[in-house]
């Protein structure tokens, strides 16, 4: 004897199962995705100063050269700018130490 189950899913997140009951499942709703805003570095490439969007207050930011050496370290505050004008032109990595993880983003100094 074989058993099979089917579920029909519609765009409004309502699930209808074989038993005939209807439940709403918001586990894939867009509101959850939007809560995890991505970090944005701009302008990139930069002529010296740039900022990072969606970073909490008092976030440690390290600027690394392509060899992994920290060339600048600071505590970043939202709506402020980081100045790289004293560094040589080239590619750098931003190491952003968030409360629950860390991110690495590339920045280009012109």
N, C-alpha and C. Protein backbone atom coordinates (compact mmCIF):
# COMPACT_ATOMS: atom_id res chain seq x y z
N UNK A 1 0.85 -1.17 0.00
CA UNK A 1 0.00 0.00 0.00
C UNK A 1 0.89 1.23 0.00
N UNK A 2 0.67 2.12 -0.93
CA UNK A 2 1.49 3.33 -0.98
C UNK A 2 0.65 4.52 -0.54
N UNK A 3 1.34 5.45 0.10
CA UNK A 3 0.67 6.67 0.50
C UNK A 3 1.40 7.85 -0.11
N UNK A 4 0.67 8.83 -0.46
CA UNK A 4 1.29 10.04 -0.99
C UNK A 4 0.53 11.23 -0.47
N UNK A 5 1.24 12.33 -0.36
CA UNK A 5 0.63 13.56 0.13
C UNK A 5 0.97 14.67 -0.84
N UNK A 6 0.06 15.54 -1.02
CA UNK A 6 0.32 16.69 -1.87
C UNK A 6 -0.06 17.95 -1.10
N UNK A 7 0.59 19.02 -1.46
CA UNK A 7 0.25 20.31 -0.87
C UNK A 7 0.19 21.32 -2.00
N UNK A 8 -0.79 22.17 -1.93
CA UNK A 8 -0.93 23.23 -2.92
C UNK A 8 -0.56 24.53 -2.23
N UNK A 9 0.34 25.26 -2.83
CA UNK A 9 0.80 26.51 -2.22
C UNK A 9 0.46 27.65 -3.16
N UNK A 10 -0.15 28.69 -2.61
CA UNK A 10 -0.47 29.83 -3.45
C UNK A 10 0.42 31.02 -3.08
N UNK A 11 0.41 32.08 -3.86
CA UNK A 11 1.30 33.22 -3.62
C UNK A 11 1.06 33.95 -2.30
N UNK A 12 -0.09 33.75 -1.70
CA UNK A 12 -0.39 34.43 -0.44
C UNK A 12 0.02 33.62 0.78
N UNK A 13 0.84 32.58 0.58
CA UNK A 13 1.38 31.75 1.64
C UNK A 13 0.36 30.87 2.34
N UNK A 14 -0.77 30.61 1.73
CA UNK A 14 -1.75 29.70 2.31
C UNK A 14 -1.46 28.30 1.80
N UNK A 15 -1.44 27.33 2.69
CA UNK A 15 -1.17 25.94 2.33
C UNK A 15 -2.43 25.11 2.58
N UNK A 16 -2.83 24.38 1.56
CA UNK A 16 -3.98 23.49 1.68
C UNK A 16 -3.45 22.07 1.61
N UNK A 17 -3.66 21.29 2.67
CA UNK A 17 -3.15 19.92 2.68
C UNK A 17 -4.27 18.93 2.40
N UNK A 18 -3.92 17.63 2.30
CA UNK A 18 -4.91 16.60 1.96
C UNK A 18 -6.02 16.47 2.98
N UNK A 19 -5.77 16.86 4.22
CA UNK A 19 -6.79 16.73 5.25
C UNK A 19 -7.87 17.81 5.10
N UNK A 20 -7.62 18.78 4.26
CA UNK A 20 -8.62 19.81 4.03
C UNK A 20 -8.46 21.03 4.91
N UNK A 21 -7.49 21.00 5.82
CA UNK A 21 -7.31 22.18 6.66
C UNK A 21 -6.43 23.21 5.94
N UNK A 22 -6.60 24.45 6.31
CA UNK A 22 -5.86 25.53 5.67
C UNK A 22 -5.04 26.25 6.74
N UNK A 23 -3.78 26.41 6.45
CA UNK A 23 -2.91 27.14 7.37
C UNK A 23 -2.13 28.19 6.59
N UNK A 24 -1.71 29.24 7.29
CA UNK A 24 -0.88 30.25 6.64
C UNK A 24 0.55 30.09 7.14
N UNK A 25 1.49 30.09 6.20
CA UNK A 25 2.91 29.92 6.53
C UNK A 25 3.67 31.12 5.99
N UNK A 26 4.15 31.97 6.88
CA UNK A 26 4.87 33.17 6.48
C UNK A 26 6.38 32.99 6.58
N UNK A 27 6.86 31.78 6.64
CA UNK A 27 8.29 31.56 6.81
C UNK A 27 9.12 32.10 5.66
N UNK A 28 8.53 32.27 4.49
CA UNK A 28 9.25 32.81 3.35
C UNK A 28 8.79 34.21 2.97
N UNK A 29 8.14 34.88 3.88
CA UNK A 29 7.62 36.22 3.57
C UNK A 29 8.75 37.21 3.39
N UNK A 30 8.55 38.20 2.54
CA UNK A 30 9.57 39.19 2.25
C UNK A 30 9.92 40.07 3.43
N UNK A 31 9.00 40.27 4.37
CA UNK A 31 9.30 41.13 5.51
C UNK A 31 10.47 40.58 6.32
N UNK A 32 10.64 39.27 6.37
CA UNK A 32 11.76 38.69 7.09
C UNK A 32 13.07 38.93 6.35
N UNK A 33 13.05 38.89 5.05
CA UNK A 33 14.25 39.10 4.27
C UNK A 33 14.73 40.54 4.40
N UNK A 34 13.80 41.50 4.41
CA UNK A 34 14.16 42.90 4.48
C UNK A 34 14.76 43.30 5.82
N UNK A 35 14.52 42.54 6.88
CA UNK A 35 15.09 42.86 8.17
C UNK A 35 16.60 42.71 8.16
N UNK A 36 17.14 41.83 7.35
CA UNK A 36 18.58 41.62 7.26
C UNK A 36 19.14 42.46 6.12
N UNK A 37 19.29 43.74 6.35
CA UNK A 37 19.76 44.64 5.30
C UNK A 37 21.23 44.36 5.01
N UNK A 38 21.56 44.43 3.74
CA UNK A 38 22.94 44.21 3.34
C UNK A 38 23.76 45.46 3.57
N UNK A 39 25.04 45.25 3.83
CA UNK A 39 25.96 46.37 3.99
C UNK A 39 26.25 46.96 2.62
N UNK A 40 26.29 48.28 2.54
CA UNK A 40 26.55 48.97 1.29
C UNK A 40 27.68 49.95 1.51
N UNK A 41 28.73 49.86 0.69
CA UNK A 41 29.87 50.76 0.74
C UNK A 41 29.76 51.72 -0.44
N UNK A 42 29.79 53.02 -0.18
CA UNK A 42 29.72 53.98 -1.29
C UNK A 42 30.43 55.26 -0.93
N UNK A 43 31.00 55.99 -1.86
CA UNK A 43 31.18 55.56 -3.24
C UNK A 43 32.29 54.51 -3.32
N UNK A 44 32.16 53.64 -4.26
CA UNK A 44 33.17 52.60 -4.48
C UNK A 44 33.26 52.34 -5.98
N UNK A 45 34.35 52.74 -6.61
CA UNK A 45 35.63 53.18 -6.08
C UNK A 45 35.53 54.56 -5.43
N UNK A 46 36.53 54.87 -4.58
CA UNK A 46 36.54 56.11 -3.83
C UNK A 46 37.80 56.92 -4.13
N UNK A 47 37.67 58.22 -4.01
CA UNK A 47 38.83 59.12 -4.13
C UNK A 47 39.43 59.42 -2.76
N UNK A 48 38.96 58.78 -1.74
CA UNK A 48 39.53 59.00 -0.42
C UNK A 48 38.56 58.74 0.71
N UNK A 49 37.32 59.23 0.60
CA UNK A 49 36.36 59.04 1.68
C UNK A 49 35.17 58.23 1.19
N UNK A 50 34.64 57.42 2.08
CA UNK A 50 33.46 56.60 1.77
C UNK A 50 32.72 56.34 3.07
N UNK A 51 31.52 55.81 2.96
CA UNK A 51 30.74 55.45 4.13
C UNK A 51 30.16 54.05 3.93
N UNK A 52 29.64 53.50 5.00
CA UNK A 52 29.03 52.17 4.98
C UNK A 52 27.61 52.30 5.50
N UNK A 53 26.63 51.84 4.73
CA UNK A 53 25.24 51.86 5.16
C UNK A 53 24.88 50.58 5.89
N UNK A 54 23.91 50.69 6.79
CA UNK A 54 23.32 49.55 7.51
C UNK A 54 24.29 48.91 8.49
N UNK A 55 25.15 49.72 9.09
CA UNK A 55 26.09 49.23 10.11
C UNK A 55 25.64 49.79 11.46
N UNK A 56 25.56 48.96 12.50
CA UNK A 56 25.18 49.47 13.81
C UNK A 56 26.27 50.38 14.41
N UNK A 57 25.89 51.16 15.42
CA UNK A 57 26.84 52.04 16.11
C UNK A 57 27.95 51.23 16.76
N UNK A 58 29.10 51.87 16.89
CA UNK A 58 30.27 51.28 17.56
C UNK A 58 30.75 49.99 16.91
N UNK A 59 30.69 49.92 15.60
CA UNK A 59 31.14 48.73 14.88
C UNK A 59 32.62 48.87 14.56
N UNK A 60 33.39 47.86 14.89
CA UNK A 60 34.82 47.85 14.57
C UNK A 60 35.01 47.58 13.09
N UNK A 61 35.76 48.46 12.42
CA UNK A 61 36.06 48.31 11.00
C UNK A 61 37.56 48.34 10.83
N UNK A 62 38.10 47.32 10.17
CA UNK A 62 39.52 47.26 9.84
C UNK A 62 39.67 47.35 8.33
N UNK A 63 40.65 48.13 7.89
CA UNK A 63 40.98 48.21 6.48
C UNK A 63 42.25 47.38 6.29
N UNK A 64 42.19 46.38 5.42
CA UNK A 64 43.31 45.48 5.19
C UNK A 64 43.85 45.66 3.78
N UNK A 65 45.17 45.57 3.64
CA UNK A 65 45.73 45.56 2.30
C UNK A 65 45.55 44.17 1.72
N UNK A 66 46.00 43.95 0.50
CA UNK A 66 45.78 42.67 -0.15
C UNK A 66 46.64 41.55 0.41
N UNK A 67 47.55 41.88 1.33
CA UNK A 67 48.33 40.85 2.02
C UNK A 67 47.70 40.47 3.35
N UNK A 68 46.58 41.12 3.71
CA UNK A 68 45.90 40.82 4.96
C UNK A 68 46.38 41.64 6.13
N UNK A 69 47.26 42.61 5.91
CA UNK A 69 47.78 43.46 6.97
C UNK A 69 46.79 44.60 7.25
N UNK A 70 46.49 44.83 8.53
CA UNK A 70 45.60 45.93 8.89
C UNK A 70 46.35 47.25 8.72
N UNK A 71 45.83 48.11 7.83
CA UNK A 71 46.46 49.40 7.57
C UNK A 71 45.70 50.55 8.23
N UNK A 72 44.49 50.27 8.68
CA UNK A 72 43.70 51.27 9.40
C UNK A 72 42.64 50.53 10.20
N UNK A 73 42.38 51.01 11.41
CA UNK A 73 41.39 50.39 12.28
C UNK A 73 40.61 51.50 12.97
N UNK A 74 39.30 51.36 13.03
CA UNK A 74 38.50 52.40 13.66
C UNK A 74 37.18 51.84 14.15
N UNK A 75 36.51 52.62 15.01
CA UNK A 75 35.17 52.30 15.47
C UNK A 75 34.22 53.16 14.65
N UNK A 76 33.40 52.53 13.83
CA UNK A 76 32.55 53.24 12.88
C UNK A 76 31.22 53.61 13.49
N UNK A 77 30.77 54.82 13.17
CA UNK A 77 29.44 55.29 13.56
C UNK A 77 28.63 55.54 12.29
N UNK A 78 27.33 55.24 12.30
CA UNK A 78 26.50 55.50 11.12
C UNK A 78 26.55 56.99 10.74
N UNK A 79 26.37 57.26 9.47
CA UNK A 79 26.35 58.61 8.91
C UNK A 79 27.68 59.35 9.06
N UNK A 80 28.77 58.61 9.13
CA UNK A 80 30.10 59.21 9.13
C UNK A 80 30.89 58.63 7.96
N UNK A 81 32.05 59.21 7.71
CA UNK A 81 32.88 58.79 6.58
C UNK A 81 34.21 58.26 7.06
N UNK A 82 34.76 57.32 6.30
CA UNK A 82 36.09 56.78 6.54
C UNK A 82 37.02 57.40 5.50
N UNK A 83 38.16 57.89 5.95
CA UNK A 83 39.10 58.57 5.06
C UNK A 83 40.29 57.65 4.76
N UNK A 84 40.46 57.32 3.49
CA UNK A 84 41.60 56.50 3.05
C UNK A 84 42.60 57.31 2.23
N UNK A 85 42.47 58.63 2.22
CA UNK A 85 43.30 59.45 1.34
C UNK A 85 44.79 59.32 1.64
N UNK A 86 45.16 58.91 2.85
CA UNK A 86 46.58 58.75 3.19
C UNK A 86 47.15 57.42 2.71
N UNK A 87 46.28 56.53 2.19
CA UNK A 87 46.75 55.23 1.69
C UNK A 87 47.04 55.30 0.19
N UNK A 88 47.89 54.39 -0.27
CA UNK A 88 48.21 54.31 -1.70
C UNK A 88 46.98 53.88 -2.49
N UNK A 89 46.97 54.22 -3.77
CA UNK A 89 45.91 53.76 -4.65
C UNK A 89 45.96 52.24 -4.75
N UNK A 90 44.79 51.62 -4.82
CA UNK A 90 44.76 50.17 -4.96
C UNK A 90 43.52 49.56 -4.35
N UNK A 91 43.52 48.25 -4.23
CA UNK A 91 42.41 47.48 -3.67
C UNK A 91 42.65 47.21 -2.19
N UNK A 92 41.58 47.31 -1.41
CA UNK A 92 41.64 47.03 0.02
C UNK A 92 40.42 46.21 0.41
N UNK A 93 40.51 45.55 1.54
CA UNK A 93 39.38 44.82 2.10
C UNK A 93 38.91 45.53 3.36
N UNK A 94 37.60 45.64 3.51
CA UNK A 94 37.03 46.15 4.74
C UNK A 94 36.58 44.95 5.56
N UNK A 95 37.11 44.83 6.75
CA UNK A 95 36.68 43.78 7.68
C UNK A 95 35.75 44.45 8.68
N UNK A 96 34.47 44.10 8.62
CA UNK A 96 33.46 44.73 9.46
C UNK A 96 33.04 43.71 10.51
N UNK A 97 33.34 44.00 11.78
CA UNK A 97 33.07 43.08 12.87
C UNK A 97 31.71 43.40 13.48
N UNK A 98 30.71 42.64 13.08
CA UNK A 98 29.34 42.81 13.57
C UNK A 98 29.15 42.01 14.85
N UNK A 99 28.08 42.28 15.61
CA UNK A 99 27.88 41.57 16.88
C UNK A 99 27.82 40.04 16.73
N UNK A 100 27.23 39.54 15.63
CA UNK A 100 27.05 38.09 15.50
C UNK A 100 27.93 37.45 14.43
N UNK A 101 28.64 38.25 13.62
CA UNK A 101 29.53 37.70 12.60
C UNK A 101 30.43 38.80 12.06
N UNK A 102 31.16 38.51 11.02
CA UNK A 102 31.97 39.54 10.37
C UNK A 102 31.77 39.47 8.87
N UNK A 103 31.93 40.62 8.23
CA UNK A 103 31.80 40.71 6.77
C UNK A 103 33.09 41.28 6.22
N UNK A 104 33.42 40.88 5.00
CA UNK A 104 34.56 41.44 4.27
C UNK A 104 34.06 41.96 2.93
N UNK A 105 34.34 43.23 2.70
CA UNK A 105 33.93 43.88 1.46
C UNK A 105 35.15 44.51 0.80
N UNK A 106 35.15 44.54 -0.51
CA UNK A 106 36.26 45.12 -1.26
C UNK A 106 36.00 46.60 -1.48
N UNK A 107 37.05 47.42 -1.34
CA UNK A 107 36.98 48.84 -1.65
C UNK A 107 38.16 49.19 -2.54
N UNK A 108 37.94 50.06 -3.51
CA UNK A 108 39.00 50.47 -4.42
C UNK A 108 39.33 51.93 -4.16
N UNK A 109 40.59 52.21 -3.85
CA UNK A 109 41.09 53.56 -3.60
C UNK A 109 41.70 54.09 -4.90
N UNK A 110 41.14 55.17 -5.46
CA UNK A 110 41.67 55.75 -6.70
C UNK A 110 42.74 56.78 -6.41
